Protein backbone atom coordinates (compact mmCIF):
# COMPACT_ATOMS: atom_id res chain seq x y z
CA MET A 1 10.64 -6.91 53.04
CA PHE A 2 7.62 -6.66 55.36
CA PHE A 3 8.68 -3.26 56.66
CA GLU A 4 8.56 -1.75 53.20
CA PHE A 5 5.25 -3.41 52.37
CA ILE A 6 3.55 -2.31 55.59
CA ASN A 7 4.92 1.24 55.61
CA ARG A 8 4.96 2.09 51.92
CA ASN A 9 2.15 4.64 52.27
CA LYS A 10 3.73 6.46 55.22
CA THR A 11 5.84 9.52 54.62
CA VAL A 12 9.55 9.54 55.27
CA LYS A 13 8.93 12.19 57.93
CA GLU A 14 6.61 9.87 59.89
CA LEU A 15 9.08 6.99 59.74
CA ARG A 16 11.97 9.29 60.65
CA LYS A 17 10.09 10.68 63.65
CA ASN A 18 9.21 7.14 64.79
CA GLN A 19 12.93 6.37 65.02
CA GLY A 20 13.56 9.69 66.78
CA TYR A 21 15.78 11.34 64.18
CA THR A 22 15.90 14.91 63.00
CA VAL A 23 16.71 15.69 59.38
CA LYS A 24 20.25 16.61 60.34
CA GLU A 25 20.85 13.42 62.37
CA LEU A 26 19.51 11.18 59.62
CA ALA A 27 21.61 12.95 57.00
CA PHE A 28 24.72 12.50 59.16
CA LYS A 29 24.00 8.80 59.67
CA LEU A 30 23.48 8.27 55.92
CA LYS A 31 26.37 10.55 54.90
CA LEU A 32 24.06 12.67 52.76
CA ASP A 33 23.34 16.37 52.68
CA SER A 34 20.47 17.47 54.93
CA SER A 35 18.81 19.17 51.96
CA ASP A 36 18.50 15.75 50.27
CA ILE A 37 16.63 14.38 53.27
CA ALA A 38 14.47 17.49 53.55
CA ARG A 39 13.55 17.16 49.87
CA ILE A 40 12.24 13.59 50.28
CA ASP A 41 10.74 14.18 53.73
CA SER A 42 7.24 14.79 52.42
CA LEU A 43 7.29 11.87 49.95
CA LYS A 44 5.70 8.53 50.67
CA LEU A 45 8.16 5.67 51.01
CA LYS A 46 7.01 4.12 47.71
CA GLU A 47 7.75 7.41 45.88
CA VAL A 48 11.36 7.78 47.10
CA PRO A 49 13.97 7.14 44.36
CA LYS A 50 15.54 3.68 44.59
CA PRO A 51 19.17 4.75 45.29
CA ILE A 52 18.12 6.83 48.29
CA LYS A 53 15.56 4.25 49.41
CA ALA A 54 18.28 1.59 49.54
CA LYS A 55 20.31 3.80 51.91
CA ILE A 56 17.44 4.98 54.09
CA LEU A 57 15.50 1.72 54.66
CA PRO A 58 17.97 0.03 57.05
CA VAL A 59 18.09 3.11 59.26
CA LEU A 60 14.31 3.55 59.30
CA ARG A 61 13.87 -0.15 60.08
CA GLY A 62 16.41 -0.02 62.91
CA ASP A 63 18.71 -2.70 61.45
CA TYR A 64 21.84 -0.86 62.54
CA MET A 65 20.81 -1.47 66.17
CA ASN A 66 21.46 -5.21 65.71
CA LYS A 67 25.21 -4.59 65.44
CA ILE A 68 25.71 -2.96 68.85
CA PRO A 69 28.52 -4.89 70.61
CA TRP A 70 26.87 -5.25 74.00
């Protein structure tokens, strides 16, 4: 909740670069086409369509890192 509120005016590209992902890596992780990610790359987080935002937020937040078995 706080992540989205704090970062809603940042672009997807900024948030993606902060996590260290390329367009291709992020698309692979989300099981989307890289052209879909490239299309929303220049949009602010608040402007991203809700279905894609629901998929992309956990990865941009780093939530998937909490499930590493070590």
